[in-house]
């Protein structure tokens, strides 16, 4: 899979609502649209790049019983890019 289609896939999912990297990995793996098996590390790498470009933002969710998680949201420029 090339990173561009992965990034657009991420933007597509975030268009529906905020998701964590884990949610995104699950969404990719259960989506028939995507024929490749996206590695979690690839997803986090793509999220970092998208954030540097200003297409997504994240907020830290502090969880007492589990590790903290990042919740990613698409920005207006991310929607335009998508």
Protein backbone atom coordinates (compact mmCIF):
# COMPACT_ATOMS: atom_id res chain seq x y z
CA UNK A 1 0.00 0.00 0.00
CA UNK A 2 1.28 3.41 -0.75
CA UNK A 3 1.17 5.94 2.06
CA UNK A 4 -1.05 8.32 0.10
CA UNK A 5 -3.96 5.90 -0.10
CA UNK A 6 -3.46 5.05 3.57
CA UNK A 7 -3.57 8.74 4.47
CA UNK A 8 -6.70 9.28 2.40
CA UNK A 9 -8.27 6.26 4.03
CA UNK A 10 -7.55 7.75 7.45
CA UNK A 11 -9.04 11.10 6.41
CA UNK A 12 -12.06 9.24 5.08
CA UNK A 13 -12.67 7.45 8.38
CA UNK A 14 -12.09 10.63 10.42
CA UNK A 15 -14.67 12.36 8.24
CA UNK A 16 -17.28 10.28 10.08
CA UNK A 17 -16.00 11.22 13.52
CA UNK A 18 -13.02 11.22 15.86
CA UNK A 19 -11.14 7.95 16.29
CA UNK A 20 -8.07 6.69 18.10
CA UNK A 21 -5.24 4.98 16.23
CA UNK A 22 -6.56 1.67 17.57
CA UNK A 23 -10.06 2.43 16.26
CA UNK A 24 -8.57 3.29 12.88
CA UNK A 25 -6.60 0.02 12.78
CA UNK A 26 -9.79 -1.92 13.52
CA UNK A 27 -11.70 0.06 10.90
CA UNK A 28 -9.07 -0.63 8.24
CA UNK A 29 -8.93 -4.31 9.03
CA UNK A 30 -12.71 -4.73 8.84
CA UNK A 31 -13.20 -2.57 5.75
CA UNK A 32 -13.55 -4.34 2.41
CA UNK A 33 -12.51 -1.15 0.64
CA UNK A 34 -8.94 -1.74 1.74
CA UNK A 35 -7.32 -4.82 0.34
CA UNK A 36 -4.08 -4.47 2.23
CA UNK A 37 -3.44 -5.18 5.86
CA UNK A 38 -2.36 -1.86 7.33
CA UNK A 39 0.17 -2.27 10.12
CA UNK A 40 -0.60 -0.25 13.24
CA UNK A 41 2.85 1.34 12.98
CA UNK A 42 2.05 2.50 9.42
CA UNK A 43 -1.21 4.02 10.63
CA UNK A 44 0.50 5.94 13.45
CA UNK A 45 3.20 7.12 11.05
CA UNK A 46 0.56 8.37 8.60
CA UNK A 47 -1.32 10.09 11.45
CA UNK A 48 1.89 11.91 12.46
CA UNK A 49 2.42 13.09 8.89
CA UNK A 50 -1.19 14.20 8.56
CA UNK A 51 -0.86 16.12 11.81
CA UNK A 52 2.32 17.87 10.61
CA UNK A 53 0.41 18.96 7.50
CA UNK A 54 -2.44 20.26 9.65
CA UNK A 55 -5.00 17.79 8.27
CA UNK A 56 -5.71 16.15 11.63
CA UNK A 57 -5.43 17.15 15.28
CA UNK A 58 -5.50 15.02 18.40
CA UNK A 59 -6.46 15.33 22.03
CA UNK A 60 -5.11 13.14 24.81
CA UNK A 61 -7.74 11.13 26.63
CA UNK A 62 -6.57 10.26 30.13
CA UNK A 63 -7.83 6.82 31.18
CA UNK A 64 -7.37 5.58 34.71
CA UNK A 65 -7.69 1.86 34.00
CA UNK A 66 -5.90 1.84 30.65
CA UNK A 67 -3.02 3.69 28.97
CA UNK A 68 -3.87 7.20 27.82
CA UNK A 69 -5.02 7.40 24.25
CA UNK A 70 -4.97 10.00 21.52
CA UNK A 71 -8.26 10.82 19.85
CA UNK A 72 -7.74 12.10 16.31
CA UNK A 73 -10.07 14.49 14.48
CA UNK A 74 -10.04 15.77 10.92
CA UNK A 75 -9.52 19.53 10.40
CA UNK A 76 -11.17 21.74 7.77
CA UNK A 77 -8.05 21.60 5.60
CA UNK A 78 -8.09 17.82 6.03
CA UNK A 79 -11.64 17.76 4.70
CA UNK A 80 -10.58 19.86 1.72
CA UNK A 81 -7.61 17.57 1.08
CA UNK A 82 -9.87 14.54 1.25
